[in-house]
């Protein structure tokens, strides 16, 4: 992609997602994701009902009347986006491809974060760490992230969710709010998810297309695995074939939900032809 086309795409994403984050998400984001703790603000005279554990004994002794310490929430957060850039992102049958949805959702979260004075960083992953952008603030930083979302060319097409979670756990020392945005076409990442969720506030956003869950009756169709390149012919007119496909996918989704539940991870599903605004607001309100 040439530089002019890239700048045009970045600008288009910025206009759409910045407006959404400003007018829709800012309040919900702020209330859904709390600061990392409490910091000392000031002292004031003790009032009836105050917690006696907060009495400042040094100031109390000096003025011969009880004073308490007042604390306030440390608002600033570190927000991390763990973004799946494997081959399966290049799929979509109706409104948009998965990678387009991932770009928009990531940009909305990023703009919501900086409007709340939070730092935002990104881990792009396939079956390896493709790129790490350390957490920073500011519009220039967000535009850099959007450029990478649009233009990054991964070295691998396969997926390893565990690798991304392990990198998060080792690279980000302080507790963060981490959004992992993926179709989760992987397995055996429950242990890594539990370890990451113990240290960080992890939220899973599952990206999917309806054709991944339900095949239309179109006769013989050649299906290709975008990550492995393997191709098979499938008779989609056969009802039993369609039923088995749907059952296998339902089992996959149920196992995924169980993994998130066991790990204490909040999650929501984002469909390529669906309303991701409604889905994200629903997630924020539940927290």
C-alpha atoms as a PDB file:
ATOM      1  CA  UNK A   1       0.000   0.000   0.000  1.00  0.00           C
ATOM      2  CA  UNK A   2       1.455   3.376  -0.981  1.00  0.00           C
ATOM      3  CA  UNK A   3       1.798   6.170   1.586  1.00  0.00           C
ATOM      4  CA  UNK A   4      -1.063   8.320   0.217  1.00  0.00           C
ATOM      5  CA  UNK A   5      -3.525   5.425   0.309  1.00  0.00           C
ATOM      6  CA  UNK A   6      -2.365   4.475   3.802  1.00  0.00           C
ATOM      7  CA  UNK A   7      -2.797   8.044   5.108  1.00  0.00           C
ATOM      8  CA  UNK A   8      -6.277   8.164   3.572  1.00  0.00           C
ATOM      9  CA  UNK A   9      -7.263   4.891   5.274  1.00  0.00           C
ATOM     10  CA  UNK A  10      -5.823   5.989   8.622  1.00  0.00           C
ATOM     11  CA  UNK A  11      -7.767   9.245   8.417  1.00  0.00           C
ATOM     12  CA  UNK A  12     -11.009   7.409   7.567  1.00  0.00           C
ATOM     13  CA  UNK A  13     -10.608   5.065  10.542  1.00  0.00           C
ATOM     14  CA  UNK A  14      -9.703   7.983  12.817  1.00  0.00           C
ATOM     15  CA  UNK A  15     -12.800  10.019  11.886  1.00  0.00           C
ATOM     16  CA  UNK A  16     -15.174   7.091  12.403  1.00  0.00           C
ATOM     17  CA  UNK A  17     -13.716   5.596  15.571  1.00  0.00           C
ATOM     18  CA  UNK A  18     -12.699   8.809  17.315  1.00  0.00           C
ATOM     19  CA  UNK A  19     -16.278  10.057  17.064  1.00  0.00           C
ATOM     20  CA  UNK A  20     -17.658   6.800  18.442  1.00  0.00           C
ATOM     21  CA  UNK A  21     -15.260   6.779  21.377  1.00  0.00           C
ATOM     22  CA  UNK A  22     -15.952  10.430  22.197  1.00  0.00           C
ATOM     23  CA  UNK A  23     -19.744  10.415  22.010  1.00  0.00           C
ATOM     24  CA  UNK A  24     -20.628   6.839  22.955  1.00  0.00           C
ATOM     25  CA  UNK A  25     -17.896   5.039  24.817  1.00  0.00           C
ATOM     26  CA  UNK A  26     -16.146   7.630  26.979  1.00  0.00           C
ATOM     27  CA  UNK A  27     -18.519   7.471  29.965  1.00  0.00           C
ATOM     28  CA  UNK A  28     -19.039   3.717  29.847  1.00  0.00           C
ATOM     29  CA  UNK A  29     -15.310   3.082  29.426  1.00  0.00           C
ATOM     30  CA  UNK A  30     -14.484   5.279  32.421  1.00  0.00           C
ATOM     31  CA  UNK A  31     -16.924   3.509  34.720  1.00  0.00           C
ATOM     32  CA  UNK A  32     -16.118   0.011  33.437  1.00  0.00           C
ATOM     33  CA  UNK A  33     -12.349   0.158  33.917  1.00  0.00           C
ATOM     34  CA  UNK A  34     -11.244   1.420  37.284  1.00  0.00           C
ATOM     35  CA  UNK A  35      -7.911   2.886  38.249  1.00  0.00           C
ATOM     36  CA  UNK A  36      -5.211   0.641  39.601  1.00  0.00           C
ATOM     37  CA  UNK A  37      -5.473   1.727  43.247  1.00  0.00           C
ATOM     38  CA  UNK A  38      -5.780   4.565  45.730  1.00  0.00           C
ATOM     39  CA  UNK A  39      -3.265   7.306  46.371  1.00  0.00           C
ATOM     40  CA  UNK A  40      -2.970   9.803  49.230  1.00  0.00           C
ATOM     41  CA  UNK A  41      -4.579  13.154  48.428  1.00  0.00           C
ATOM     42  CA  UNK A  42      -4.887  15.302  51.599  1.00  0.00           C
ATOM     43  CA  UNK A  43      -5.824  15.362  55.290  1.00  0.00           C
ATOM     44  CA  UNK A  44      -8.980  16.834  56.806  1.00  0.00           C
ATOM     45  CA  UNK A  45     -10.697  16.886  60.184  1.00  0.00           C
ATOM     46  CA  UNK A  46     -12.342  13.680  61.293  1.00  0.00           C
ATOM     47  CA  UNK A  47     -16.116  13.539  60.726  1.00  0.00           C
ATOM     48  CA  UNK A  48     -18.611  11.157  62.285  1.00  0.00           C
ATOM     49  CA  UNK A  49     -18.706   7.942  60.236  1.00  0.00           C
ATOM     50  CA  UNK A  50     -15.153   8.187  58.900  1.00  0.00           C
ATOM     51  CA  UNK A  51     -13.013   5.049  59.004  1.00  0.00           C
ATOM     52  CA  UNK A  52     -10.818   5.305  62.110  1.00  0.00           C
ATOM     53  CA  UNK A  53      -8.146   3.278  60.314  1.00  0.00           C
ATOM     54  CA  UNK A  54      -7.466   6.352  58.165  1.00  0.00           C
ATOM     55  CA  UNK A  55      -6.630   8.638  61.114  1.00  0.00           C
ATOM     56  CA  UNK A  56      -3.320  10.452  60.615  1.00  0.00           C
ATOM     57  CA  UNK A  57      -1.870  10.224  64.128  1.00  0.00           C
ATOM     58  CA  UNK A  58       0.997  12.639  63.466  1.00  0.00           C
ATOM     59  CA  UNK A  59      -1.318  15.456  62.329  1.00  0.00           C
ATOM     60  CA  UNK A  60      -3.824  14.578  65.078  1.00  0.00           C
ATOM     61  CA  UNK A  61      -1.129  14.931  67.745  1.00  0.00           C
ATOM     62  CA  UNK A  62       0.057  18.235  66.288  1.00  0.00           C
ATOM     63  CA  UNK A  63      -3.368  19.910  66.279  1.00  0.00           C
ATOM     64  CA  UNK A  64      -4.801  18.064  69.265  1.00  0.00           C
ATOM     65  CA  UNK A  65      -7.903  17.002  67.325  1.00  0.00           C
ATOM     66  CA  UNK A  66      -8.454  13.992  65.014  1.00  0.00           C
ATOM     67  CA  UNK A  67      -7.527  14.267  61.337  1.00  0.00           C
ATOM     68  CA  UNK A  68      -7.876  11.567  58.688  1.00  0.00           C
ATOM     69  CA  UNK A  69      -6.048  10.832  55.456  1.00  0.00           C
ATOM     70  CA  UNK A  70      -8.125  11.268  52.298  1.00  0.00           C
ATOM     71  CA  UNK A  71      -7.379   8.994  49.359  1.00  0.00           C
ATOM     72  CA  UNK A  72      -8.412   9.227  45.727  1.00  0.00           C
ATOM     73  CA  UNK A  73      -8.487   6.724  42.933  1.00  0.00           C
ATOM     74  CA  UNK A  74      -5.425   6.575  40.717  1.00  0.00           C
ATOM     75  CA  UNK A  75      -7.280   6.960  37.459  1.00  0.00           C
ATOM     76  CA  UNK A  76      -4.491   6.313  34.980  1.00  0.00           C
ATOM     77  CA  UNK A  77      -4.522   2.826  33.483  1.00  0.00           C
ATOM     78  CA  UNK A  78      -2.293   0.940  31.128  1.00  0.00           C
ATOM     79  CA  UNK A  79      -4.429  -0.590  28.386  1.00  0.00           C
ATOM     80  CA  UNK A  80      -3.000  -3.338  26.188  1.00  0.00           C
ATOM     81  CA  UNK A  81      -4.424  -4.596  22.915  1.00  0.00           C
ATOM     82  CA  UNK A  82      -3.428  -8.159  21.985  1.00  0.00           C
ATOM     83  CA  UNK A  83      -4.339  -8.306  18.294  1.00  0.00           C
ATOM     84  CA  UNK A  84      -4.504 -11.503  16.246  1.00  0.00           C
ATOM     85  CA  UNK A  85      -2.957 -10.921  12.812  1.00  0.00           C
ATOM     86  CA  UNK A  86      -2.965 -14.569  11.654  1.00  0.00           C
ATOM     87  CA  UNK A  87      -4.323 -15.688   8.289  1.00  0.00           C
ATOM     88  CA  UNK A  88      -7.896 -16.320   9.439  1.00  0.00           C
ATOM     89  CA  UNK A  89      -8.430 -12.574   9.922  1.00  0.00           C
ATOM     90  CA  UNK A  90      -8.738 -12.252   6.114  1.00  0.00           C
ATOM     91  CA  UNK A  91     -12.237 -13.694   6.055  1.00  0.00           C
ATOM     92  CA  UNK A  92     -15.671 -12.142   5.765  1.00  0.00           C
ATOM     93  CA  UNK A  93     -18.794 -12.794   3.741  1.00  0.00           C
ATOM     94  CA  UNK A  94     -21.037  -9.770   4.209  1.00  0.00           C
ATOM     95  CA  UNK A  95     -20.444  -6.340   5.735  1.00  0.00           C
ATOM     96  CA  UNK A  96     -16.709  -6.459   6.433  1.00  0.00           C
ATOM     97  CA  UNK A  97     -13.705  -8.737   6.792  1.00  0.00           C
ATOM     98  CA  UNK A  98     -12.521  -9.784  10.239  1.00  0.00           C
ATOM     99  CA  UNK A  99      -9.398  -7.638   9.957  1.00  0.00           C
ATOM    100  CA  UNK A 100     -11.516  -4.553   9.189  1.00  0.00           C
ATOM    101  CA  UNK A 101     -13.633  -5.209  12.279  1.00  0.00           C
ATOM    102  CA  UNK A 102     -10.514  -5.761  14.392  1.00  0.00           C
ATOM    103  CA  UNK A 103      -9.064  -2.440  13.160  1.00  0.00           C
ATOM    104  CA  UNK A 104     -12.213  -0.463  13.993  1.00  0.00           C
ATOM    105  CA  UNK A 105     -12.712  -2.035  17.418  1.00  0.00           C
ATOM    106  CA  UNK A 106      -9.043  -1.583  18.331  1.00  0.00           C
ATOM    107  CA  UNK A 107      -9.120   2.078  17.281  1.00  0.00           C
ATOM    108  CA  UNK A 108     -12.299   2.755  19.293  1.00  0.00           C
ATOM    109  CA  UNK A 109     -10.733   1.257  22.428  1.00  0.00           C
ATOM    110  CA  UNK A 110      -7.494   3.180  21.820  1.00  0.00           C
ATOM    111  CA  UNK A 111      -9.266   6.543  21.470  1.00  0.00           C
ATOM    112  CA  UNK A 112     -11.424   5.776  24.528  1.00  0.00           C
ATOM    113  CA  UNK A 113      -8.236   5.096  26.484  1.00  0.00           C
ATOM    114  CA  UNK A 114      -6.441   8.322  25.601  1.00  0.00           C
ATOM    115  CA  UNK A 115      -9.584  10.381  26.278  1.00  0.00           C
ATOM    116  CA  UNK A 116      -9.354   9.011  29.811  1.00  0.00           C
ATOM    117  CA  UNK A 117      -5.632   9.843  29.995  1.00  0.00           C
ATOM    118  CA  UNK A 118      -4.668   6.157  29.913  1.00  0.00           C
ATOM    119  CA  UNK A 119      -1.642   4.676  28.207  1.00  0.00           C
ATOM    120  CA  UNK A 120      -2.228   2.243  25.345  1.00  0.00           C
ATOM    121  CA  UNK A 121       0.092  -0.395  23.944  1.00  0.00           C
ATOM    122  CA  UNK A 122      -0.240  -3.208  21.410  1.00  0.00           C
ATOM    123  CA  UNK A 123       0.979  -6.770  20.976  1.00  0.00           C
ATOM    124  CA  UNK A 124       0.437  -8.007  17.404  1.00  0.00           C
ATOM    125  CA  UNK A 125       0.605 -11.800  17.317  1.00  0.00           C
ATOM    126  CA  UNK A 126       0.254 -14.827  15.040  1.00  0.00           C
ATOM    127  CA  UNK A 127       1.988 -17.958  16.298  1.00  0.00           C
ATOM    128  CA  UNK A 128       4.754 -15.573  17.354  1.00  0.00           C
ATOM    129  CA  UNK A 129       5.009 -11.945  18.475  1.00  0.00           C
ATOM    130  CA  UNK A 130       4.912  -9.983  15.227  1.00  0.00           C
ATOM    131  CA  UNK A 131       5.301  -6.510  16.763  1.00  0.00           C
ATOM    132  CA  UNK A 132       5.207  -4.875  20.204  1.00  0.00           C
ATOM    133  CA  UNK A 133       4.274  -1.210  20.618  1.00  0.00           C
ATOM    134  CA  UNK A 134       5.000  -0.107  24.222  1.00  0.00           C
ATOM    135  CA  UNK A 135       2.239   1.771  26.096  1.00  0.00           C
ATOM    136  CA  UNK A 136       2.192   5.532  25.575  1.00  0.00           C
ATOM    137  CA  UNK A 137      -0.307   8.398  25.463  1.00  0.00           C
ATOM    138  CA  UNK A 138      -1.329  10.860  22.785  1.00  0.00           C
ATOM    139  CA  UNK A 139      -3.017  11.155  19.405  1.00  0.00           C
ATOM    140  CA  UNK A 140       0.255  10.695  17.484  1.00  0.00           C
ATOM    141  CA  UNK A 141       0.738   7.367  19.237  1.00  0.00           C
ATOM    142  CA  UNK A 142      -2.824   6.266  18.362  1.00  0.00           C
ATOM    143  CA  UNK A 143      -2.323   7.130  14.690  1.00  0.00           C
ATOM    144  CA  UNK A 144       0.877   5.049  14.702  1.00  0.00           C
ATOM    145  CA  UNK A 145      -1.149   2.113  16.088  1.00  0.00           C
ATOM    146  CA  UNK A 146      -3.834   2.538  13.402  1.00  0.00           C
ATOM    147  CA  UNK A 147      -1.179   2.615  10.654  1.00  0.00           C
ATOM    148  CA  UNK A 148       0.208  -0.673  11.942  1.00  0.00           C
ATOM    149  CA  UNK A 149      -3.298  -2.157  12.169  1.00  0.00           C
ATOM    150  CA  UNK A 150      -3.854  -1.387   8.496  1.00  0.00           C
ATOM    151  CA  UNK A 151      -0.400  -2.048   7.065  1.00  0.00           C
ATOM    152  CA  UNK A 152       1.300  -4.717   9.191  1.00  0.00           C
ATOM    153  CA  UNK A 153       2.370  -7.757   7.168  1.00  0.00           C
ATOM    154  CA  UNK A 154       2.739 -10.740   9.535  1.00  0.00           C
ATOM    155  CA  UNK A 155       5.568 -13.218   9.045  1.00  0.00           C
ATOM    156  CA  UNK A 156       3.307 -16.151   9.916  1.00  0.00           C
ATOM    157  CA  UNK A 157      -0.324 -17.027   9.139  1.00  0.00           C
ATOM    158  CA  UNK A 158      -0.840 -19.388  12.083  1.00  0.00           C
ATOM    159  CA  UNK A 159      -2.125 -18.649  15.613  1.00  0.00           C
ATOM    160  CA  UNK A 160      -0.722 -19.180  19.095  1.00  0.00           C
ATOM    161  CA  UNK A 161      -2.829 -17.421  21.726  1.00  0.00           C
ATOM    162  CA  UNK A 162      -0.650 -18.777  24.555  1.00  0.00           C
ATOM    163  CA  UNK A 163       2.417 -17.046  23.104  1.00  0.00           C
ATOM    164  CA  UNK A 164       0.646 -13.669  23.137  1.00  0.00           C
ATOM    165  CA  UNK A 165      -0.569 -14.129  26.718  1.00  0.00           C
ATOM    166  CA  UNK A 166       2.884 -15.209  27.914  1.00  0.00           C
ATOM    167  CA  UNK A 167       4.435 -12.145  26.306  1.00  0.00           C
ATOM    168  CA  UNK A 168       1.874  -9.890  28.001  1.00  0.00           C
ATOM    169  CA  UNK A 169       2.641 -11.452  31.375  1.00  0.00           C
ATOM    170  CA  UNK A 170       6.402 -11.012  30.996  1.00  0.00           C
ATOM    171  CA  UNK A 171       6.559  -7.652  29.163  1.00  0.00           C
ATOM    172  CA  UNK A 172       3.987  -5.631  31.151  1.00  0.00           C
ATOM    173  CA  UNK A 173       5.058  -5.581  34.786  1.00  0.00           C
ATOM    174  CA  UNK A 174       2.263  -3.462  36.295  1.00  0.00           C
ATOM    175  CA  UNK A 175      -1.347  -4.562  36.248  1.00  0.00           C
ATOM    176  CA  UNK A 176      -3.073  -3.539  33.013  1.00  0.00           C
ATOM    177  CA  UNK A 177      -6.423  -3.862  31.294  1.00  0.00           C
ATOM    178  CA  UNK A 178      -5.762  -6.193  28.369  1.00  0.00           C
ATOM    179  CA  UNK A 179      -8.129  -6.726  25.441  1.00  0.00           C
ATOM    180  CA  UNK A 180      -7.316  -9.851  23.438  1.00  0.00           C
ATOM    181  CA  UNK A 181      -8.984  -9.496  20.038  1.00  0.00           C
ATOM    182  CA  UNK A 182      -9.040 -12.728  18.062  1.00  0.00           C
ATOM    183  CA  UNK A 183     -11.187 -15.447  16.515  1.00  0.00           C
ATOM    184  CA  UNK A 184      -9.376 -17.813  18.934  1.00  0.00           C
ATOM    185  CA  UNK A 185      -8.839 -20.472  16.246  1.00  0.00           C
ATOM    186  CA  UNK A 186      -6.408 -22.211  18.559  1.00  0.00           C
ATOM    187  CA  UNK A 187      -6.385 -24.630  21.488  1.00  0.00           C
ATOM    188  CA  UNK A 188      -4.621 -25.411  24.766  1.00  0.00           C
ATOM    189  CA  UNK A 189      -4.279 -21.800  25.921  1.00  0.00           C
ATOM    190  CA  UNK A 190      -6.358 -22.102  29.120  1.00  0.00           C
ATOM    191  CA  UNK A 191      -3.310 -22.247  31.445  1.00  0.00           C
ATOM    192  CA  UNK A 192      -1.716 -19.165  29.842  1.00  0.00           C
ATOM    193  CA  UNK A 193      -5.076 -17.362  30.017  1.00  0.00           C
ATOM    194  CA  UNK A 194      -5.431 -18.110  33.735  1.00  0.00           C
ATOM    195  CA  UNK A 195      -1.891 -16.886  34.494  1.00  0.00           C
ATOM    196  CA  UNK A 196      -2.426 -13.665  32.491  1.00  0.00           C
ATOM    197  CA  UNK A 197      -5.847 -13.049  34.102  1.00  0.00           C
ATOM    198  CA  UNK A 198      -4.333 -13.435  37.575  1.00  0.00           C
ATOM    199  CA  UNK A 199      -1.912 -10.577  36.885  1.00  0.00           C
ATOM    200  CA  UNK A 200      -4.018  -8.433  34.521  1.00  0.00           C
ATOM    201  CA  UNK A 201      -7.658  -7.552  33.895  1.00  0.00           C
ATOM    202  CA  UNK A 202      -8.157  -9.561  30.691  1.00  0.00           C
ATOM    203  CA  UNK A 203     -11.133  -9.067  28.358  1.00  0.00           C
ATOM    204  CA  UNK A 204     -11.658 -11.377  25.367  1.00  0.00           C
ATOM    205  CA  UNK A 205     -13.299 -10.084  22.179  1.00  0.00           C
ATOM    206  CA  UNK A 206     -14.129 -13.005  19.882  1.00  0.00           C
ATOM    207  CA  UNK A 207     -14.345 -12.003  16.221  1.00  0.00           C
ATOM    208  CA  UNK A 208     -16.378 -14.274  13.946  1.00  0.00           C
ATOM    209  CA  UNK A 209     -18.273 -14.461  10.664  1.00  0.00           C
ATOM    210  CA  UNK A 210     -21.656 -16.192  10.429  1.00  0.00           C
ATOM    211  CA  UNK A 211     -20.380 -18.560   7.714  1.00  0.00           C
ATOM    212  CA  UNK A 212     -17.923 -19.983  10.228  1.00  0.00           C
ATOM    213  CA  UNK A 213     -20.886 -21.220  12.260  1.00  0.00           C
ATOM    214  CA  UNK A 214     -23.411 -22.133   9.586  1.00  0.00           C
ATOM    215  CA  UNK A 215     -22.883 -23.353   6.012  1.00  0.00           C
ATOM    216  CA  UNK A 216     -25.418 -22.417   3.314  1.00  0.00           C
ATOM    217  CA  UNK A 217     -26.565 -25.189   0.906  1.00  0.00           C
ATOM    218  CA  UNK A 218     -24.467 -24.267  -2.138  1.00  0.00           C
ATOM    219  CA  UNK A 219     -23.470 -27.682  -3.455  1.00  0.00           C
ATOM    220  CA  UNK A 220     -19.804 -28.707  -3.612  1.00  0.00           C
ATOM    221  CA  UNK A 221     -17.627 -25.937  -2.184  1.00  0.00           C
ATOM    222  CA  UNK A 222     -13.840 -25.862  -1.774  1.00  0.00           C
ATOM    223  CA  UNK A 223     -12.932 -24.717   1.737  1.00  0.00           C
ATOM    224  CA  UNK A 224      -9.445 -23.474   2.490  1.00  0.00           C
ATOM    225  CA  UNK A 225      -7.852 -23.096   5.897  1.00  0.00           C
ATOM    226  CA  UNK A 226      -6.370 -19.591   5.772  1.00  0.00           C
ATOM    227  CA  UNK A 227      -3.696 -20.485   8.339  1.00  0.00           C
ATOM    228  CA  UNK A 228      -2.465 -23.870   7.058  1.00  0.00           C
ATOM    229  CA  UNK A 229      -3.388 -23.553   3.372  1.00  0.00           C
ATOM    230  CA  UNK A 230      -5.113 -26.943   3.448  1.00  0.00           C
ATOM    231  CA  UNK A 231      -8.035 -27.287   1.016  1.00  0.00           C
ATOM    232  CA  UNK A 232     -10.991 -29.708   1.076  1.00  0.00           C
ATOM    233  CA  UNK A 233     -14.133 -30.124  -1.011  1.00  0.00           C
ATOM    234  CA  UNK A 234     -17.360 -30.138   0.995  1.00  0.00           C
ATOM    235  CA  UNK A 235     -20.865 -31.018  -0.217  1.00  0.00           C
ATOM    236  CA  UNK A 236     -22.827 -28.258   1.493  1.00  0.00           C
ATOM    237  CA  UNK A 237     -26.102 -29.534  -0.025  1.00  0.00           C
ATOM    238  CA  UNK A 238     -25.854 -32.577   2.248  1.00  0.00           C
ATOM    239  CA  UNK A 239     -27.873 -31.796   5.394  1.00  0.00           C
ATOM    240  CA  UNK A 240     -25.809 -34.164   7.552  1.00  0.00           C
ATOM    241  CA  UNK A 241     -22.604 -32.467   6.449  1.00  0.00           C
ATOM    242  CA  UNK A 242     -24.020 -29.068   7.405  1.00  0.00           C
ATOM    243  CA  UNK A 243     -25.295 -30.395  10.748  1.00  0.00           C
ATOM    244  CA  UNK A 244     -21.885 -31.898  11.621  1.00  0.00           C
ATOM    245  CA  UNK A 245     -20.155 -28.647  10.655  1.00  0.00           C
ATOM    246  CA  UNK A 246     -22.516 -26.658  12.898  1.00  0.00           C
ATOM    247  CA  UNK A 247     -22.191 -29.139  15.774  1.00  0.00           C
ATOM    248  CA  UNK A 248     -18.374 -29.082  15.632  1.00  0.00           C
ATOM    249  CA  UNK A 249     -18.398 -25.285  15.632  1.00  0.00           C
ATOM    250  CA  UNK A 250     -20.885 -25.146  18.537  1.00  0.00           C
ATOM    251  CA  UNK A 251     -18.617 -27.482  20.542  1.00  0.00           C
ATOM    252  CA  UNK A 252     -15.647 -25.217  19.784  1.00  0.00           C
ATOM    253  CA  UNK A 253     -17.539 -22.106  20.944  1.00  0.00           C
ATOM    254  CA  UNK A 254     -18.790 -23.810  24.122  1.00  0.00           C
ATOM    255  CA  UNK A 255     -15.268 -24.927  25.002  1.00  0.00           C
ATOM    256  CA  UNK A 256     -14.055 -21.375  24.446  1.00  0.00           C
ATOM    257  CA  UNK A 257     -16.726 -19.965  26.768  1.00  0.00           C
ATOM    258  CA  UNK A 258     -15.734 -22.508  29.421  1.00  0.00           C
ATOM    259  CA  UNK A 259     -12.083 -21.446  29.125  1.00  0.00           C
ATOM    260  CA  UNK A 260     -12.997 -17.785  29.618  1.00  0.00           C
ATOM    261  CA  UNK A 261     -15.273 -18.586  32.574  1.00  0.00           C
ATOM    262  CA  UNK A 262     -12.635 -20.734  34.332  1.00  0.00           C
ATOM    263  CA  UNK A 263     -10.052 -17.987  33.832  1.00  0.00           C
ATOM    264  CA  UNK A 264     -12.335 -15.239  35.182  1.00  0.00           C
ATOM    265  CA  UNK A 265     -12.173 -13.407  31.852  1.00  0.00           C
ATOM    266  CA  UNK A 266     -15.020 -11.200  30.614  1.00  0.00           C
ATOM    267  CA  UNK A 267     -15.819 -11.693  26.958  1.00  0.00           C
ATOM    268  CA  UNK A 268     -18.193 -10.790  24.186  1.00  0.00           C
ATOM    269  CA  UNK A 269     -18.699 -11.904  20.589  1.00  0.00           C
ATOM    270  CA  UNK A 270     -18.288  -9.460  17.702  1.00  0.00           C
ATOM    271  CA  UNK A 271     -19.786 -10.523  14.371  1.00  0.00           C
ATOM    272  CA  UNK A 272     -18.445  -9.165  11.087  1.00  0.00           C
ATOM    273  CA  UNK A 273     -21.928  -8.117   9.950  1.00  0.00           C
ATOM    274  CA  UNK A 274     -23.138  -7.140  13.432  1.00  0.00           C
ATOM    275  CA  UNK A 275     -23.275  -4.006  15.575  1.00  0.00           C
ATOM    276  CA  UNK A 276     -20.022  -3.979  17.512  1.00  0.00           C
ATOM    277  CA  UNK A 277     -21.021  -0.719  19.228  1.00  0.00           C
ATOM    278  CA  UNK A 278     -23.967  -2.424  20.912  1.00  0.00           C
ATOM    279  CA  UNK A 279     -21.843  -5.451  21.857  1.00  0.00           C
ATOM    280  CA  UNK A 280     -19.051  -3.356  23.407  1.00  0.00           C
ATOM    281  CA  UNK A 281     -21.482  -1.136  25.327  1.00  0.00           C
ATOM    282  CA  UNK A 282     -23.161  -4.253  26.679  1.00  0.00           C
ATOM    283  CA  UNK A 283     -19.793  -5.578  27.844  1.00  0.00           C
ATOM    284  CA  UNK A 284     -18.835  -2.274  29.496  1.00  0.00           C
ATOM    285  CA  UNK A 285     -22.173  -2.020  31.318  1.00  0.00           C
ATOM    286  CA  UNK A 286     -21.839  -5.541  32.731  1.00  0.00           C
ATOM    287  CA  UNK A 287     -18.557  -4.719  34.447  1.00  0.00           C
END
